[in-house]
Each structure stands twice: as structure tokens, then as C-alpha cells.
Amino acid sequence: MEGKNEIRKITAAEFFPAVVHMKTECWRLVQICATCIEGGYEMSYSFCLRYDMVTLRLEVAEDEEVASITQIYPCAFLQENEAEQLFGVKIRTIKPDYKDKLYRIDVETPFKKE
């Protein structure tokens, strides 16, 4: 059985409605990945349904906030806290928010490009 693997670039305005749509269609959240790009971050949210995977890819400016998806996918809290603490992504309303205490590290946002 062969599944599809699709990456969809989305805007900030499309992000939350797209996540709600994935939930209503019974897609599972399988990973959230943050990486630094010029001027900010690239956030990839991957969802699976049977053998299919869809990744919603969102570019975020360094000073821009991203809405947490923990109200929709509670399991997202670990990966959102990680993106916030390690990269410096501004994610609002994470439940629970570890407030940069998920990892015991001495360096603030060690993966953020300066």
C-alpha cells in the first residue's frame, strides 16, 4: 500500500483553520519541527491518516507569534515548548507552558541563529 506525502505551504491566516480541518477529518498529529530561516522560523506540522502524511509548513517572522494548537491537539504541548525553548519561536497559549524550563540547559535558545 502506497501513501501520499504532501507538504502544503500555508500563511498565518490559513494556519489555525487548516489545523482544525485536519482534526475534524481525523488526522493524527505526528510531529512538529522548528528550524531557523532568514528572518525567522519555518514550522512544520505533520499529520497522518492511514498511510498518508500531510505537512503544513508555516513561515514565521522572528517577532511574530504563532497560536498554540494544544486546544485542538493536546499532545502538541511538548513539541511546542521545545520549539519555544530551543529556537525562540513565540507560541502563545501553550497548555501547559513550561516557560523555557522543559529542558535543563544553560544556554538560552541554543538553536536560534543570531
Foldseek 3Di string as FASTA:
>chain_A
DAEEEEEAEDELVVPPVVLVVCLVVPWAWDDWDWADDVQFIWIWTWTDDDNYIYIYIYTDGLPDEHEDCCVRVVVCLVRVLCCCFQAVHHYPDRVVRPPNVPDPDDDGNNRHDD
